[in-house]
Amino acid sequence: MNRSLVERVVATLVFAYALVLYIMTVAPATSFWDSGEFIAIANRLQVSHPPGAPFFMLVGRLFSMFVPTAYVALSVNLVSVLASAGTILLAHLIIVRLVREWQGS
């Protein structure tokens, strides 16, 4: 198989593995720290504390618009799950690129 195709398949598997692992451990409601604030902010598009996360709030609002009220916390927590799995995917791709550059052609 083509090396590029193999790298894409492995990257997809890494993303899927991280996504499944994070979905298995996602909190169905709020937890102790900032997630309660982010859930409330994303649900009503309110103003957060200064560091904020405008993009997270907008995506969280998009996710929370289409679910029943009882599942708003879970849907906003799933935004974090997707972002974390995407971070794992990008970290994998960066590491592969760095190793390839380090080894040379």
N, C-alpha and C. Protein backbone atom coordinates (compact mmCIF):
# COMPACT_ATOMS: atom_id res chain seq x y z
N MET A 1 0.83 -1.19 0.00
CA MET A 1 0.00 0.00 0.00
C MET A 1 0.87 1.24 0.00
N ASN A 2 0.30 2.32 -0.43
CA ASN A 2 0.98 3.59 -0.48
C ASN A 2 1.25 4.08 0.95
N ARG A 3 2.42 4.66 1.18
CA ARG A 3 2.79 5.13 2.52
C ARG A 3 1.84 6.20 3.03
N SER A 4 1.41 7.07 2.15
CA SER A 4 0.48 8.12 2.53
C SER A 4 -0.87 7.53 2.96
N LEU A 5 -1.32 6.51 2.25
CA LEU A 5 -2.58 5.87 2.60
C LEU A 5 -2.48 5.18 3.95
N VAL A 6 -1.36 4.53 4.20
CA VAL A 6 -1.15 3.87 5.49
C VAL A 6 -1.16 4.89 6.62
N GLU A 7 -0.50 6.02 6.42
CA GLU A 7 -0.47 7.07 7.44
C GLU A 7 -1.87 7.63 7.70
N ARG A 8 -2.65 7.78 6.67
CA ARG A 8 -4.02 8.26 6.85
C ARG A 8 -4.88 7.26 7.60
N VAL A 9 -4.72 5.98 7.27
CA VAL A 9 -5.49 4.94 7.97
C VAL A 9 -5.08 4.89 9.44
N VAL A 10 -3.79 4.95 9.71
CA VAL A 10 -3.33 4.93 11.11
C VAL A 10 -3.81 6.18 11.85
N ALA A 11 -3.78 7.33 11.21
CA ALA A 11 -4.27 8.56 11.84
C ALA A 11 -5.76 8.46 12.14
N THR A 12 -6.52 7.88 11.22
CA THR A 12 -7.95 7.68 11.46
C THR A 12 -8.19 6.72 12.61
N LEU A 13 -7.40 5.66 12.69
CA LEU A 13 -7.54 4.72 13.80
C LEU A 13 -7.16 5.35 15.13
N VAL A 14 -6.13 6.17 15.14
CA VAL A 14 -5.74 6.88 16.37
C VAL A 14 -6.87 7.80 16.82
N PHE A 15 -7.44 8.55 15.87
CA PHE A 15 -8.56 9.43 16.21
C PHE A 15 -9.75 8.63 16.73
N ALA A 16 -10.09 7.54 16.06
CA ALA A 16 -11.24 6.73 16.48
C ALA A 16 -11.01 6.12 17.86
N TYR A 17 -9.80 5.64 18.12
CA TYR A 17 -9.49 5.06 19.42
C TYR A 17 -9.62 6.11 20.52
N ALA A 18 -9.05 7.29 20.31
CA ALA A 18 -9.15 8.36 21.31
C ALA A 18 -10.60 8.79 21.49
N LEU A 19 -11.35 8.88 20.41
CA LEU A 19 -12.75 9.29 20.50
C LEU A 19 -13.56 8.29 21.30
N VAL A 20 -13.38 7.01 21.03
CA VAL A 20 -14.13 5.98 21.77
C VAL A 20 -13.73 5.99 23.24
N LEU A 21 -12.46 6.12 23.52
CA LEU A 21 -12.00 6.15 24.90
C LEU A 21 -12.57 7.34 25.65
N TYR A 22 -12.56 8.52 25.03
CA TYR A 22 -13.11 9.71 25.67
C TYR A 22 -14.62 9.63 25.81
N ILE A 23 -15.31 9.05 24.83
CA ILE A 23 -16.77 8.92 24.94
C ILE A 23 -17.13 7.98 26.09
N MET A 24 -16.32 6.95 26.28
CA MET A 24 -16.60 6.02 27.38
C MET A 24 -16.44 6.68 28.75
N THR A 25 -15.64 7.75 28.83
CA THR A 25 -15.38 8.39 30.11
C THR A 25 -15.98 9.78 30.23
N VAL A 26 -16.84 10.18 29.31
CA VAL A 26 -17.40 11.53 29.35
C VAL A 26 -18.36 11.66 30.54
N ALA A 27 -18.35 12.84 31.15
CA ALA A 27 -19.24 13.11 32.27
C ALA A 27 -20.63 13.45 31.74
N PRO A 28 -21.67 12.78 32.23
CA PRO A 28 -23.02 13.08 31.74
C PRO A 28 -23.59 14.38 32.31
N ALA A 29 -22.96 14.94 33.32
CA ALA A 29 -23.42 16.18 33.93
C ALA A 29 -22.20 17.05 34.22
N THR A 30 -22.38 18.06 35.04
CA THR A 30 -21.26 18.95 35.34
C THR A 30 -20.31 18.29 36.33
N SER A 31 -19.07 18.74 36.29
CA SER A 31 -18.10 18.29 37.27
C SER A 31 -17.69 19.49 38.13
N PHE A 32 -16.67 19.32 38.93
CA PHE A 32 -16.36 20.31 39.97
C PHE A 32 -15.83 21.63 39.44
N TRP A 33 -14.98 21.63 38.42
CA TRP A 33 -14.29 22.86 38.05
C TRP A 33 -15.08 23.72 37.08
N ASP A 34 -14.54 24.05 35.95
CA ASP A 34 -15.13 25.03 35.03
C ASP A 34 -16.18 24.48 34.10
N SER A 35 -16.39 23.19 34.06
CA SER A 35 -17.32 22.67 33.06
C SER A 35 -18.75 23.16 33.28
N GLY A 36 -19.15 23.33 34.53
CA GLY A 36 -20.50 23.86 34.80
C GLY A 36 -20.67 25.26 34.24
N GLU A 37 -19.65 26.07 34.38
CA GLU A 37 -19.71 27.42 33.83
C GLU A 37 -19.77 27.38 32.31
N PHE A 38 -18.94 26.55 31.70
CA PHE A 38 -18.95 26.46 30.24
C PHE A 38 -20.27 25.91 29.71
N ILE A 39 -20.88 24.98 30.44
CA ILE A 39 -22.17 24.44 30.01
C ILE A 39 -23.23 25.52 30.06
N ALA A 40 -23.27 26.29 31.15
CA ALA A 40 -24.25 27.37 31.28
C ALA A 40 -24.03 28.45 30.21
N ILE A 41 -22.77 28.77 29.97
CA ILE A 41 -22.45 29.81 28.98
C ILE A 41 -22.82 29.35 27.58
N ALA A 42 -22.51 28.10 27.25
CA ALA A 42 -22.79 27.60 25.91
C ALA A 42 -24.28 27.44 25.68
N ASN A 43 -25.01 27.09 26.73
CA ASN A 43 -26.45 26.87 26.57
C ASN A 43 -27.19 28.17 26.30
N ARG A 44 -26.79 29.25 26.93
CA ARG A 44 -27.51 30.52 26.79
C ARG A 44 -26.70 31.62 26.12
N LEU A 45 -25.47 31.31 25.65
CA LEU A 45 -24.56 32.29 25.05
C LEU A 45 -24.38 33.51 25.96
N GLN A 46 -24.01 33.23 27.20
CA GLN A 46 -23.77 34.28 28.18
C GLN A 46 -22.32 34.69 28.14
N VAL A 47 -21.94 35.64 28.99
CA VAL A 47 -20.58 36.15 29.03
C VAL A 47 -19.81 35.34 30.07
N SER A 48 -18.62 34.88 29.68
CA SER A 48 -17.80 34.10 30.61
C SER A 48 -16.76 34.98 31.28
N HIS A 49 -15.95 34.37 32.13
CA HIS A 49 -14.85 35.12 32.74
C HIS A 49 -13.81 35.44 31.66
N PRO A 50 -12.93 36.41 31.91
CA PRO A 50 -12.09 36.98 30.86
C PRO A 50 -11.35 36.02 29.95
N PRO A 51 -10.70 34.94 30.43
CA PRO A 51 -10.01 34.12 29.44
C PRO A 51 -10.98 33.57 28.40
N GLY A 52 -12.16 33.18 28.87
CA GLY A 52 -13.21 32.74 27.97
C GLY A 52 -12.77 31.74 26.92
N ALA A 53 -13.69 31.36 26.12
CA ALA A 53 -13.41 30.48 25.00
C ALA A 53 -14.53 30.68 23.99
N PRO A 54 -14.49 31.77 23.23
CA PRO A 54 -15.61 32.11 22.35
C PRO A 54 -15.95 31.01 21.35
N PHE A 55 -14.94 30.39 20.74
CA PHE A 55 -15.22 29.35 19.76
C PHE A 55 -15.86 28.14 20.44
N PHE A 56 -15.35 27.77 21.62
CA PHE A 56 -15.92 26.66 22.37
C PHE A 56 -17.37 26.95 22.73
N MET A 57 -17.66 28.19 23.13
CA MET A 57 -19.03 28.54 23.48
C MET A 57 -19.96 28.45 22.28
N LEU A 58 -19.51 28.91 21.11
CA LEU A 58 -20.35 28.85 19.93
C LEU A 58 -20.60 27.41 19.48
N VAL A 59 -19.55 26.60 19.49
CA VAL A 59 -19.73 25.19 19.12
C VAL A 59 -20.57 24.47 20.16
N GLY A 60 -20.37 24.78 21.44
CA GLY A 60 -21.19 24.19 22.49
C GLY A 60 -22.66 24.59 22.34
N ARG A 61 -22.90 25.82 21.96
CA ARG A 61 -24.28 26.26 21.71
C ARG A 61 -24.89 25.49 20.54
N LEU A 62 -24.11 25.29 19.50
CA LEU A 62 -24.59 24.53 18.35
C LEU A 62 -24.96 23.10 18.76
N PHE A 63 -24.11 22.48 19.58
CA PHE A 63 -24.39 21.12 20.04
C PHE A 63 -25.59 21.08 20.97
N SER A 64 -25.76 22.11 21.81
CA SER A 64 -26.85 22.09 22.80
C SER A 64 -28.20 22.52 22.23
N MET A 65 -28.21 23.07 21.03
CA MET A 65 -29.48 23.52 20.44
C MET A 65 -30.37 22.36 20.02
N PHE A 66 -29.78 21.23 19.68
CA PHE A 66 -30.54 20.15 19.08
C PHE A 66 -30.79 18.97 20.00
N VAL A 67 -30.59 19.15 21.28
CA VAL A 67 -30.83 18.06 22.24
C VAL A 67 -31.85 18.52 23.27
N PRO A 68 -32.53 17.57 23.91
CA PRO A 68 -33.44 17.95 25.01
C PRO A 68 -32.67 18.60 26.15
N THR A 69 -33.37 19.37 26.95
CA THR A 69 -32.74 20.11 28.04
C THR A 69 -32.01 19.20 29.01
N ALA A 70 -32.47 17.99 29.21
CA ALA A 70 -31.84 17.07 30.15
C ALA A 70 -30.45 16.64 29.69
N TYR A 71 -30.14 16.77 28.40
CA TYR A 71 -28.87 16.31 27.85
C TYR A 71 -27.95 17.44 27.42
N VAL A 72 -28.22 18.67 27.85
CA VAL A 72 -27.39 19.80 27.45
C VAL A 72 -25.97 19.64 27.99
N ALA A 73 -25.84 19.23 29.24
CA ALA A 73 -24.51 19.07 29.85
C ALA A 73 -23.71 18.01 29.09
N LEU A 74 -24.34 16.91 28.77
CA LEU A 74 -23.66 15.86 28.03
C LEU A 74 -23.24 16.34 26.65
N SER A 75 -24.10 17.08 25.97
CA SER A 75 -23.76 17.54 24.62
C SER A 75 -22.61 18.53 24.64
N VAL A 76 -22.55 19.41 25.63
CA VAL A 76 -21.44 20.35 25.71
C VAL A 76 -20.15 19.62 26.11
N ASN A 77 -20.27 18.60 26.96
CA ASN A 77 -19.09 17.80 27.30
C ASN A 77 -18.60 17.02 26.10
N LEU A 78 -19.48 16.67 25.18
CA LEU A 78 -19.06 15.98 23.96
C LEU A 78 -18.24 16.89 23.04
N VAL A 79 -18.43 18.20 23.15
CA VAL A 79 -17.59 19.13 22.41
C VAL A 79 -16.14 18.98 22.88
N SER A 80 -15.96 18.86 24.19
CA SER A 80 -14.62 18.64 24.73
C SER A 80 -14.05 17.30 24.28
N VAL A 81 -14.91 16.30 24.20
CA VAL A 81 -14.47 14.98 23.74
C VAL A 81 -13.97 15.06 22.30
N LEU A 82 -14.72 15.71 21.44
CA LEU A 82 -14.29 15.84 20.04
C LEU A 82 -13.02 16.67 19.91
N ALA A 83 -12.93 17.74 20.69
CA ALA A 83 -11.73 18.57 20.64
C ALA A 83 -10.51 17.80 21.14
N SER A 84 -10.69 17.01 22.17
CA SER A 84 -9.57 16.22 22.71
C SER A 84 -9.13 15.14 21.72
N ALA A 85 -10.07 14.47 21.09
CA ALA A 85 -9.72 13.46 20.09
C ALA A 85 -9.04 14.11 18.89
N GLY A 86 -9.48 15.29 18.51
CA GLY A 86 -8.82 16.02 17.44
C GLY A 86 -7.40 16.43 17.81
N THR A 87 -7.20 16.78 19.07
CA THR A 87 -5.87 17.11 19.55
C THR A 87 -4.94 15.91 19.47
N ILE A 88 -5.45 14.74 19.84
CA ILE A 88 -4.66 13.51 19.74
C ILE A 88 -4.31 13.23 18.28
N LEU A 89 -5.27 13.42 17.39
CA LEU A 89 -5.01 13.23 15.96
C LEU A 89 -3.91 14.15 15.46
N LEU A 90 -4.01 15.44 15.79
CA LEU A 90 -2.99 16.39 15.35
C LEU A 90 -1.63 16.11 15.97
N ALA A 91 -1.62 15.70 17.25
CA ALA A 91 -0.35 15.35 17.89
C ALA A 91 0.29 14.15 17.18
N HIS A 92 -0.52 13.17 16.81
CA HIS A 92 0.00 12.01 16.07
C HIS A 92 0.59 12.44 14.73
N LEU A 93 -0.13 13.28 14.00
CA LEU A 93 0.37 13.72 12.69
C LEU A 93 1.64 14.54 12.81
N ILE A 94 1.73 15.37 13.84
CA ILE A 94 2.93 16.18 14.05
C ILE A 94 4.11 15.29 14.40
N ILE A 95 3.89 14.30 15.27
CA ILE A 95 4.97 13.39 15.65
C ILE A 95 5.45 12.58 14.45
N VAL A 96 4.52 12.12 13.63
CA VAL A 96 4.91 11.38 12.42
C VAL A 96 5.74 12.26 11.51
N ARG A 97 5.33 13.49 11.33
CA ARG A 97 6.08 14.41 10.47
C ARG A 97 7.47 14.69 11.03
N LEU A 98 7.56 14.90 12.37
CA LEU A 98 8.86 15.16 12.97
C LEU A 98 9.79 13.96 12.87
N VAL A 99 9.27 12.76 13.07
CA VAL A 99 10.09 11.56 12.94
C VAL A 99 10.56 11.39 11.52
N ARG A 100 9.67 11.64 10.55
CA ARG A 100 10.06 11.53 9.15
C ARG A 100 11.16 12.54 8.79
N GLU A 101 11.04 13.76 9.30
CA GLU A 101 12.07 14.77 9.05
C GLU A 101 13.39 14.40 9.75
N TRP A 102 13.30 13.83 10.95
CA TRP A 102 14.48 13.45 11.69
C TRP A 102 15.23 12.31 11.03
N GLN A 103 14.47 11.34 10.50
CA GLN A 103 15.09 10.20 9.84
C GLN A 103 15.64 10.54 8.45
N GLY A 104 15.08 11.53 7.86
CA GLY A 104 15.49 11.89 6.50
C GLY A 104 14.84 10.95 5.49
N SER A 105 15.12 11.20 4.23
CA SER A 105 14.50 10.35 3.20
C SER A 105 15.44 9.21 2.89
